[in-house]
Amino acid sequence: MDWSLELVVLPVADMDRAKTFYMQKAGFELLVDHRAGEDFRVVQLSPRGSSCAIALMQNTEAAGTVQGLHVVVSDIDAARSELLGRGAEASEIFHFEEGGQTAGPDPERGDYNSFLSFADPDGNGWLVQEVRRTARQA
């Protein structure tokens, strides 16, 4: 049986602010924005091309506590340029070598070893990771 991760819940302090960030600055697509009464709202967004989405959850106390979410791109330089062009604050590109994190992309441009980071307005943290081949080629 296949198991498919399709939704990750992110606690945020302000649903509208988070929705705007993910749509305008991170380039996510809006899937659902549904209200049921005054106290219930579901906002789901997805990175373009992803089968996994995020659901924003109003939770001021837990806002910003999710760290290390990964999105995978085939071109880390283009991804950084897109984020910056949309007005998001994105880190410089980095990779890992023996001894730790090093500035710049992986010199060999090996899959899974070039990264950049960004955070939403609440501080939920994301890593963008370069993988030039598709998962099905593994």
C-alpha atoms as a PDB file:
ATOM      1  CA  MET A   1       0.000   0.000   0.000  1.00  0.00           C
ATOM      2  CA  ASP A   2       1.295   3.470  -0.918  1.00  0.00           C
ATOM      3  CA  TRP A   3       1.118   6.202   1.703  1.00  0.00           C
ATOM      4  CA  SER A   4       1.062   9.764   0.468  1.00  0.00           C
ATOM      5  CA  LEU A   5       1.848  12.806   2.585  1.00  0.00           C
ATOM      6  CA  GLU A   6      -0.540  15.448   1.305  1.00  0.00           C
ATOM      7  CA  LEU A   7      -0.998  18.054   4.036  1.00  0.00           C
ATOM      8  CA  VAL A   8       1.215  19.712   6.652  1.00  0.00           C
ATOM      9  CA  VAL A   9      -0.366  22.033   9.228  1.00  0.00           C
ATOM     10  CA  LEU A  10       1.394  25.334   9.950  1.00  0.00           C
ATOM     11  CA  PRO A  11       0.461  27.366  13.030  1.00  0.00           C
ATOM     12  CA  VAL A  12       0.204  31.084  12.279  1.00  0.00           C
ATOM     13  CA  ALA A  13      -0.819  34.159  14.225  1.00  0.00           C
ATOM     14  CA  ASP A  14      -2.683  35.874  11.376  1.00  0.00           C
ATOM     15  CA  MET A  15      -4.351  33.784   8.665  1.00  0.00           C
ATOM     16  CA  ASP A  16      -4.701  36.615   6.148  1.00  0.00           C
ATOM     17  CA  ARG A  17      -1.093  37.764   6.578  1.00  0.00           C
ATOM     18  CA  ALA A  18       0.175  34.186   6.152  1.00  0.00           C
ATOM     19  CA  LYS A  19      -2.080  33.545   3.151  1.00  0.00           C
ATOM     20  CA  THR A  20      -0.797  36.723   1.484  1.00  0.00           C
ATOM     21  CA  PHE A  21       2.830  35.773   2.183  1.00  0.00           C
ATOM     22  CA  TYR A  22       2.509  32.264   0.784  1.00  0.00           C
ATOM     23  CA  MET A  23       0.639  33.401  -2.328  1.00  0.00           C
ATOM     24  CA  GLN A  24       2.508  36.603  -3.142  1.00  0.00           C
ATOM     25  CA  LYS A  25       6.031  36.088  -1.793  1.00  0.00           C
ATOM     26  CA  ALA A  26       6.477  32.295  -1.846  1.00  0.00           C
ATOM     27  CA  GLY A  27       4.406  31.738  -5.004  1.00  0.00           C
ATOM     28  CA  PHE A  28       2.158  29.019  -3.572  1.00  0.00           C
ATOM     29  CA  GLU A  29      -1.210  28.328  -5.181  1.00  0.00           C
ATOM     30  CA  LEU A  30      -4.404  28.737  -3.155  1.00  0.00           C
ATOM     31  CA  LEU A  31      -6.368  25.485  -2.987  1.00  0.00           C
ATOM     32  CA  VAL A  32      -8.973  26.223  -0.304  1.00  0.00           C
ATOM     33  CA  ASP A  33     -10.137  29.212   1.720  1.00  0.00           C
ATOM     34  CA  HIS A  34     -13.275  28.077   3.512  1.00  0.00           C
ATOM     35  CA  ARG A  35     -15.101  29.531   6.505  1.00  0.00           C
ATOM     36  CA  ALA A  36     -17.758  27.859   8.602  1.00  0.00           C
ATOM     37  CA  GLY A  37     -19.081  30.391  11.055  1.00  0.00           C
ATOM     38  CA  GLU A  38     -16.904  32.956  12.808  1.00  0.00           C
ATOM     39  CA  ASP A  39     -14.495  30.550  14.490  1.00  0.00           C
ATOM     40  CA  PHE A  40     -13.577  28.049  11.768  1.00  0.00           C
ATOM     41  CA  ARG A  41     -11.449  28.717   8.704  1.00  0.00           C
ATOM     42  CA  VAL A  42      -9.385  26.416   6.519  1.00  0.00           C
ATOM     43  CA  VAL A  43      -6.732  27.838   4.197  1.00  0.00           C
ATOM     44  CA  GLN A  44      -4.736  25.370   2.131  1.00  0.00           C
ATOM     45  CA  LEU A  45      -1.960  26.282  -0.283  1.00  0.00           C
ATOM     46  CA  SER A  46       0.528  24.292  -2.305  1.00  0.00           C
ATOM     47  CA  PRO A  47       3.891  25.001  -3.899  1.00  0.00           C
ATOM     48  CA  ARG A  48       3.534  24.868  -7.698  1.00  0.00           C
ATOM     49  CA  GLY A  49       3.969  21.290  -8.881  1.00  0.00           C
ATOM     50  CA  SER A  50       3.678  19.722  -5.424  1.00  0.00           C
ATOM     51  CA  SER A  51       1.205  17.044  -4.397  1.00  0.00           C
ATOM     52  CA  CYS A  52       1.645  18.096  -0.757  1.00  0.00           C
ATOM     53  CA  ALA A  53      -0.065  21.211   0.588  1.00  0.00           C
ATOM     54  CA  ILE A  54       0.060  23.287   3.746  1.00  0.00           C
ATOM     55  CA  ALA A  55      -2.937  24.151   5.906  1.00  0.00           C
ATOM     56  CA  LEU A  56      -2.735  27.375   7.881  1.00  0.00           C
ATOM     57  CA  MET A  57      -3.975  26.981  11.436  1.00  0.00           C
ATOM     58  CA  GLN A  58      -4.764  29.983  13.628  1.00  0.00           C
ATOM     59  CA  ASN A  59      -2.658  29.377  16.736  1.00  0.00           C
ATOM     60  CA  THR A  60      -0.877  32.413  18.123  1.00  0.00           C
ATOM     61  CA  GLU A  61       0.945  30.468  20.832  1.00  0.00           C
ATOM     62  CA  ALA A  62       2.445  27.929  18.402  1.00  0.00           C
ATOM     63  CA  ALA A  63       2.989  30.335  15.488  1.00  0.00           C
ATOM     64  CA  GLY A  64       6.476  30.013  14.044  1.00  0.00           C
ATOM     65  CA  THR A  65       7.339  26.720  15.730  1.00  0.00           C
ATOM     66  CA  VAL A  66       7.566  24.573  12.586  1.00  0.00           C
ATOM     67  CA  GLN A  67      11.118  24.387  11.230  1.00  0.00           C
ATOM     68  CA  GLY A  68      12.904  22.445   8.521  1.00  0.00           C
ATOM     69  CA  LEU A  69      10.138  22.029   5.972  1.00  0.00           C
ATOM     70  CA  HIS A  70      11.735  21.188   2.619  1.00  0.00           C
ATOM     71  CA  VAL A  71      10.670  22.055  -0.885  1.00  0.00           C
ATOM     72  CA  VAL A  72      12.670  20.635  -3.770  1.00  0.00           C
ATOM     73  CA  VAL A  73      13.591  22.539  -6.935  1.00  0.00           C
ATOM     74  CA  SER A  74      15.630  21.633  -9.986  1.00  0.00           C
ATOM     75  CA  ASP A  75      17.481  24.993 -10.071  1.00  0.00           C
ATOM     76  CA  ILE A  76      18.388  26.605  -6.732  1.00  0.00           C
ATOM     77  CA  ASP A  77      19.642  29.812  -8.390  1.00  0.00           C
ATOM     78  CA  ALA A  78      16.352  30.326 -10.239  1.00  0.00           C
ATOM     79  CA  ALA A  79      14.381  29.535  -7.083  1.00  0.00           C
ATOM     80  CA  ARG A  80      16.314  32.143  -5.087  1.00  0.00           C
ATOM     81  CA  SER A  81      15.849  34.726  -7.835  1.00  0.00           C
ATOM     82  CA  GLU A  82      12.112  34.039  -7.912  1.00  0.00           C
ATOM     83  CA  LEU A  83      11.750  34.387  -4.140  1.00  0.00           C
ATOM     84  CA  LEU A  84      13.727  37.633  -4.103  1.00  0.00           C
ATOM     85  CA  GLY A  85      11.776  38.929  -7.099  1.00  0.00           C
ATOM     86  CA  ARG A  86       8.541  38.303  -5.201  1.00  0.00           C
ATOM     87  CA  GLY A  87       9.868  40.260  -2.199  1.00  0.00           C
ATOM     88  CA  ALA A  88      10.612  37.300   0.078  1.00  0.00           C
ATOM     89  CA  GLU A  89      13.713  37.339   2.245  1.00  0.00           C
ATOM     90  CA  ALA A  90      15.781  34.362   1.132  1.00  0.00           C
ATOM     91  CA  SER A  91      19.180  33.371   2.462  1.00  0.00           C
ATOM     92  CA  GLU A  92      22.258  33.021   0.353  1.00  0.00           C
ATOM     93  CA  ILE A  93      22.718  29.569  -1.163  1.00  0.00           C
ATOM     94  CA  PHE A  94      24.769  27.156   0.936  1.00  0.00           C
ATOM     95  CA  HIS A  95      25.893  23.535   0.987  1.00  0.00           C
ATOM     96  CA  PHE A  96      27.458  21.114   3.418  1.00  0.00           C
ATOM     97  CA  GLU A  97      31.005  19.846   3.449  1.00  0.00           C
ATOM     98  CA  GLU A  98      33.017  18.004   6.014  1.00  0.00           C
ATOM     99  CA  GLY A  99      33.132  20.480   8.856  1.00  0.00           C
ATOM    100  CA  GLY A 100      29.706  21.978   8.312  1.00  0.00           C
ATOM    101  CA  GLN A 101      27.731  24.505   6.328  1.00  0.00           C
ATOM    102  CA  THR A 102      29.630  26.326   3.571  1.00  0.00           C
ATOM    103  CA  ALA A 103      28.658  29.351   1.468  1.00  0.00           C
ATOM    104  CA  GLY A 104      27.617  28.812  -2.135  1.00  0.00           C
ATOM    105  CA  PRO A 105      26.058  25.911  -3.996  1.00  0.00           C
ATOM    106  CA  ASP A 106      27.623  22.467  -3.938  1.00  0.00           C
ATOM    107  CA  PRO A 107      30.660  22.767  -6.277  1.00  0.00           C
ATOM    108  CA  GLU A 108      29.696  19.497  -7.970  1.00  0.00           C
ATOM    109  CA  ARG A 109      26.002  20.473  -7.984  1.00  0.00           C
ATOM    110  CA  GLY A 110      25.202  17.100  -6.476  1.00  0.00           C
ATOM    111  CA  ASP A 111      21.572  16.334  -5.740  1.00  0.00           C
ATOM    112  CA  TYR A 112      20.394  17.065  -2.192  1.00  0.00           C
ATOM    113  CA  ASN A 113      23.354  19.282  -1.259  1.00  0.00           C
ATOM    114  CA  SER A 114      22.544  22.887  -2.229  1.00  0.00           C
ATOM    115  CA  PHE A 115      20.111  24.843  -0.064  1.00  0.00           C
ATOM    116  CA  LEU A 116      18.649  28.214   0.782  1.00  0.00           C
ATOM    117  CA  SER A 117      16.260  29.143   3.539  1.00  0.00           C
ATOM    118  CA  PHE A 118      13.323  31.450   4.086  1.00  0.00           C
ATOM    119  CA  ALA A 119      10.678  31.948   6.752  1.00  0.00           C
ATOM    120  CA  ASP A 120       7.080  33.084   6.794  1.00  0.00           C
ATOM    121  CA  PRO A 121       6.068  36.192   8.799  1.00  0.00           C
ATOM    122  CA  ASP A 122       5.599  34.058  11.944  1.00  0.00           C
ATOM    123  CA  GLY A 123       9.009  32.404  11.642  1.00  0.00           C
ATOM    124  CA  ASN A 124       7.988  28.978  10.325  1.00  0.00           C
ATOM    125  CA  GLY A 125      11.192  27.909   8.576  1.00  0.00           C
ATOM    126  CA  TRP A 126      11.672  26.435   5.128  1.00  0.00           C
ATOM    127  CA  LEU A 127      14.635  24.963   3.269  1.00  0.00           C
ATOM    128  CA  VAL A 128      14.740  24.951  -0.505  1.00  0.00           C
ATOM    129  CA  GLN A 129      16.841  22.017  -1.709  1.00  0.00           C
ATOM    130  CA  GLU A 130      18.211  21.444  -5.198  1.00  0.00           C
ATOM    131  CA  VAL A 131      17.551  18.055  -6.771  1.00  0.00           C
ATOM    132  CA  ARG A 132      18.239  18.083 -10.496  1.00  0.00           C
ATOM    133  CA  ARG A 133      16.837  14.624 -11.206  1.00  0.00           C
ATOM    134  CA  THR A 134      13.282  13.515 -10.570  1.00  0.00           C
ATOM    135  CA  ALA A 135      12.447  11.143  -7.728  1.00  0.00           C
ATOM    136  CA  ARG A 136      11.267   8.504 -10.228  1.00  0.00           C
ATOM    137  CA  GLN A 137      14.812   8.283 -11.647  1.00  0.00           C
ATOM    138  CA  ALA A 138      16.185   7.169  -8.279  1.00  0.00           C
END
